[in-house]
């Protein structure tokens, strides 16, 4: 039976969360590519630089059903 070992140190949690965020950002871009949805550089930058794991999860879910990049509702400055 697997045992859940939560990370005890802030150092470990930060690095785990950073890896999780980077992985989710990659998944978003892979899903959009597979669905032939063009991703402007400005949106790609927002996705790649996002560290909010919950926000990235929301975007992953939206990417799975999006028809356009606007369906992800990613705020882009400009």
N, C-alpha and C. Protein backbone atom coordinates (compact mmCIF):
# COMPACT_ATOMS: atom_id res chain seq x y z
N UNK A 1 0.84 -1.18 0.00
CA UNK A 1 0.00 0.00 0.00
C UNK A 1 0.89 1.24 0.00
N UNK A 2 0.69 2.16 -0.97
CA UNK A 2 1.50 3.37 -1.00
C UNK A 2 1.24 4.25 0.22
N UNK A 3 2.28 4.91 0.64
CA UNK A 3 2.18 5.82 1.78
C UNK A 3 2.49 7.22 1.29
N UNK A 4 1.66 8.18 1.69
CA UNK A 4 1.88 9.57 1.31
C UNK A 4 2.85 10.21 2.29
N UNK A 5 4.00 10.65 1.78
CA UNK A 5 4.99 11.32 2.61
C UNK A 5 5.03 12.79 2.22
N UNK A 6 4.29 13.64 2.94
CA UNK A 6 4.31 15.05 2.59
C UNK A 6 5.71 15.63 2.85
N UNK A 7 6.09 16.54 1.98
CA UNK A 7 7.40 17.17 2.15
C UNK A 7 7.36 18.06 3.38
N UNK A 8 8.36 17.91 4.23
CA UNK A 8 8.38 18.60 5.50
C UNK A 8 9.03 19.97 5.44
N UNK A 9 10.02 20.14 4.58
CA UNK A 9 10.74 21.41 4.56
C UNK A 9 10.17 22.35 3.50
N UNK A 10 10.31 23.65 3.75
CA UNK A 10 9.89 24.64 2.76
C UNK A 10 10.68 24.48 1.48
N UNK A 11 11.96 24.16 1.61
CA UNK A 11 12.83 23.95 0.45
C UNK A 11 12.27 22.85 -0.45
N UNK A 12 11.94 21.73 0.13
CA UNK A 12 11.41 20.61 -0.65
C UNK A 12 10.07 20.94 -1.27
N UNK A 13 9.18 21.59 -0.51
CA UNK A 13 7.87 21.96 -1.03
C UNK A 13 7.99 22.92 -2.21
N UNK A 14 8.87 23.92 -2.09
CA UNK A 14 9.06 24.89 -3.17
C UNK A 14 9.53 24.22 -4.45
N UNK A 15 10.50 23.32 -4.31
CA UNK A 15 11.04 22.66 -5.50
C UNK A 15 10.05 21.65 -6.08
N UNK A 16 9.31 20.98 -5.25
CA UNK A 16 8.27 20.07 -5.72
C UNK A 16 7.20 20.85 -6.48
N UNK A 17 6.75 21.97 -5.90
CA UNK A 17 5.72 22.79 -6.54
C UNK A 17 6.23 23.39 -7.85
N UNK A 18 7.49 23.80 -7.88
CA UNK A 18 8.06 24.35 -9.12
C UNK A 18 8.07 23.29 -10.21
N UNK A 19 8.43 22.08 -9.87
CA UNK A 19 8.42 20.98 -10.84
C UNK A 19 7.02 20.65 -11.30
N UNK A 20 6.08 20.68 -10.38
CA UNK A 20 4.68 20.41 -10.72
C UNK A 20 4.16 21.49 -11.66
N UNK A 21 4.46 22.74 -11.38
CA UNK A 21 4.02 23.84 -12.24
C UNK A 21 4.62 23.71 -13.63
N UNK A 22 5.90 23.44 -13.71
CA UNK A 22 6.56 23.30 -15.01
C UNK A 22 5.95 22.15 -15.81
N UNK A 23 5.65 21.06 -15.13
CA UNK A 23 5.04 19.91 -15.79
C UNK A 23 3.66 20.22 -16.32
N UNK A 24 2.87 20.92 -15.54
CA UNK A 24 1.52 21.28 -15.99
C UNK A 24 1.58 22.25 -17.16
N UNK A 25 2.51 23.18 -17.12
CA UNK A 25 2.66 24.12 -18.24
C UNK A 25 2.98 23.36 -19.52
N UNK A 26 3.85 22.37 -19.43
CA UNK A 26 4.19 21.56 -20.61
C UNK A 26 2.96 20.80 -21.11
N UNK A 27 2.18 20.27 -20.19
CA UNK A 27 0.97 19.52 -20.58
C UNK A 27 0.01 20.42 -21.33
N UNK A 28 -0.18 21.64 -20.85
CA UNK A 28 -1.08 22.58 -21.53
C UNK A 28 -0.63 22.77 -22.97
N UNK A 29 0.65 23.04 -23.15
CA UNK A 29 1.16 23.29 -24.49
C UNK A 29 1.10 22.05 -25.38
N UNK A 30 1.33 20.88 -24.81
CA UNK A 30 1.23 19.63 -25.57
C UNK A 30 -0.21 19.39 -26.02
N UNK A 31 -1.16 19.60 -25.11
CA UNK A 31 -2.58 19.39 -25.45
C UNK A 31 -3.01 20.37 -26.53
N UNK A 32 -2.63 21.63 -26.39
CA UNK A 32 -3.00 22.62 -27.41
C UNK A 32 -2.38 22.29 -28.76
N UNK A 33 -1.15 21.84 -28.75
CA UNK A 33 -0.50 21.43 -29.99
C UNK A 33 -1.22 20.24 -30.63
N UNK A 34 -1.57 19.27 -29.81
CA UNK A 34 -2.27 18.08 -30.31
C UNK A 34 -3.63 18.44 -30.89
N UNK A 35 -4.23 19.49 -30.35
CA UNK A 35 -5.54 19.91 -30.83
C UNK A 35 -5.43 20.95 -31.92
N UNK A 36 -4.20 21.22 -32.38
CA UNK A 36 -3.93 22.17 -33.47
C UNK A 36 -4.45 23.57 -33.16
N UNK A 37 -4.29 23.97 -31.90
CA UNK A 37 -4.67 25.32 -31.48
C UNK A 37 -3.39 26.16 -31.42
N UNK A 38 -3.35 27.21 -32.21
CA UNK A 38 -2.18 28.08 -32.26
C UNK A 38 -2.04 28.82 -30.92
N UNK A 39 -0.80 28.90 -30.45
CA UNK A 39 -0.52 29.57 -29.18
C UNK A 39 0.42 30.75 -29.46
N UNK A 40 -0.09 31.97 -29.34
CA UNK A 40 0.77 33.13 -29.54
C UNK A 40 1.89 33.15 -28.49
N UNK A 41 3.01 33.75 -28.85
CA UNK A 41 4.15 33.81 -27.93
C UNK A 41 3.77 34.46 -26.60
N UNK A 42 2.92 35.47 -26.62
CA UNK A 42 2.52 36.14 -25.38
C UNK A 42 1.79 35.19 -24.44
N UNK A 43 0.94 34.33 -24.99
CA UNK A 43 0.21 33.34 -24.18
C UNK A 43 1.16 32.24 -23.72
N UNK A 44 2.03 31.81 -24.61
CA UNK A 44 3.02 30.78 -24.26
C UNK A 44 3.88 31.26 -23.08
N UNK A 45 4.26 32.53 -23.09
CA UNK A 45 5.06 33.08 -21.99
C UNK A 45 4.29 33.09 -20.68
N UNK A 46 3.01 33.46 -20.72
CA UNK A 46 2.19 33.47 -19.50
C UNK A 46 2.10 32.06 -18.94
N UNK A 47 1.84 31.09 -19.79
CA UNK A 47 1.73 29.69 -19.35
C UNK A 47 3.06 29.21 -18.77
N UNK A 48 4.14 29.43 -19.49
CA UNK A 48 5.45 28.93 -19.07
C UNK A 48 5.94 29.57 -17.77
N UNK A 49 5.54 30.81 -17.50
CA UNK A 49 6.02 31.52 -16.31
C UNK A 49 5.07 31.46 -15.13
N UNK A 50 3.92 30.81 -15.31
CA UNK A 50 2.96 30.71 -14.22
C UNK A 50 3.46 29.71 -13.16
N UNK A 51 3.39 30.10 -11.90
CA UNK A 51 3.80 29.22 -10.81
C UNK A 51 2.62 28.81 -9.93
N UNK A 52 1.43 29.25 -10.29
CA UNK A 52 0.22 28.93 -9.53
C UNK A 52 -0.30 27.57 -10.03
N UNK A 53 -0.04 26.54 -9.25
CA UNK A 53 -0.39 25.18 -9.64
C UNK A 53 -1.90 25.03 -9.87
N UNK A 54 -2.71 25.68 -9.06
CA UNK A 54 -4.16 25.58 -9.23
C UNK A 54 -4.62 26.24 -10.53
N UNK A 55 -4.03 27.40 -10.85
CA UNK A 55 -4.37 28.08 -12.10
C UNK A 55 -3.97 27.22 -13.30
N UNK A 56 -2.79 26.62 -13.23
CA UNK A 56 -2.34 25.74 -14.31
C UNK A 56 -3.27 24.55 -14.48
N UNK A 57 -3.76 24.01 -13.38
CA UNK A 57 -4.70 22.88 -13.46
C UNK A 57 -5.98 23.32 -14.18
N UNK A 58 -6.45 24.52 -13.88
CA UNK A 58 -7.63 25.05 -14.55
C UNK A 58 -7.38 25.16 -16.04
N UNK A 59 -6.21 25.66 -16.43
CA UNK A 59 -5.88 25.80 -17.85
C UNK A 59 -5.72 24.45 -18.53
N UNK A 60 -5.20 23.45 -17.81
CA UNK A 60 -5.10 22.09 -18.38
C UNK A 60 -6.51 21.59 -18.72
N UNK A 61 -7.42 21.75 -17.78
CA UNK A 61 -8.79 21.29 -18.00
C UNK A 61 -9.44 22.02 -19.17
N UNK A 62 -9.23 23.32 -19.25
CA UNK A 62 -9.79 24.09 -20.36
C UNK A 62 -9.16 23.69 -21.69
N UNK A 63 -7.86 23.43 -21.69
CA UNK A 63 -7.17 23.05 -22.92
C UNK A 63 -7.75 21.76 -23.50
N UNK A 64 -8.21 20.90 -22.64
CA UNK A 64 -8.75 19.61 -23.09
C UNK A 64 -10.01 19.76 -23.93
N UNK A 65 -10.73 20.87 -23.74
CA UNK A 65 -11.99 21.04 -24.47
C UNK A 65 -12.02 22.31 -25.31
N UNK A 66 -10.95 23.07 -25.32
CA UNK A 66 -10.91 24.36 -26.03
C UNK A 66 -11.01 24.18 -27.54
N UNK A 67 -11.65 25.15 -28.16
CA UNK A 67 -11.68 25.21 -29.62
C UNK A 67 -10.76 26.31 -30.13
N UNK A 68 -10.52 27.31 -29.27
CA UNK A 68 -9.61 28.40 -29.60
C UNK A 68 -8.76 28.70 -28.36
N UNK A 69 -7.69 29.44 -28.56
CA UNK A 69 -6.83 29.81 -27.44
C UNK A 69 -7.59 30.69 -26.45
N UNK A 70 -8.54 31.46 -26.94
CA UNK A 70 -9.34 32.33 -26.07
C UNK A 70 -10.16 31.54 -25.06
N UNK A 71 -10.49 30.29 -25.38
CA UNK A 71 -11.26 29.45 -24.47
C UNK A 71 -10.54 29.16 -23.16
N UNK A 72 -9.21 29.32 -23.14
CA UNK A 72 -8.46 29.09 -21.91
C UNK A 72 -8.58 30.25 -20.95
N UNK A 73 -9.00 31.42 -21.46
CA UNK A 73 -9.17 32.63 -20.64
C UNK A 73 -7.89 33.00 -19.90
N UNK A 74 -6.80 33.04 -20.65
CA UNK A 74 -5.51 33.39 -20.09
C UNK A 74 -5.31 34.90 -20.25
N UNK A 75 -5.13 35.61 -19.13
CA UNK A 75 -4.93 37.06 -19.22
C UNK A 75 -3.55 37.38 -19.79
N UNK A 76 -3.53 38.19 -20.82
CA UNK A 76 -2.26 38.58 -21.44
C UNK A 76 -2.19 40.11 -21.45
N UNK A 77 -1.10 40.63 -20.91
CA UNK A 77 -0.93 42.08 -20.90
C UNK A 77 -0.73 42.60 -22.31
N UNK A 78 -1.21 43.79 -22.55
CA UNK A 78 -0.93 44.35 -23.85
C UNK A 78 -2.12 44.92 -24.46
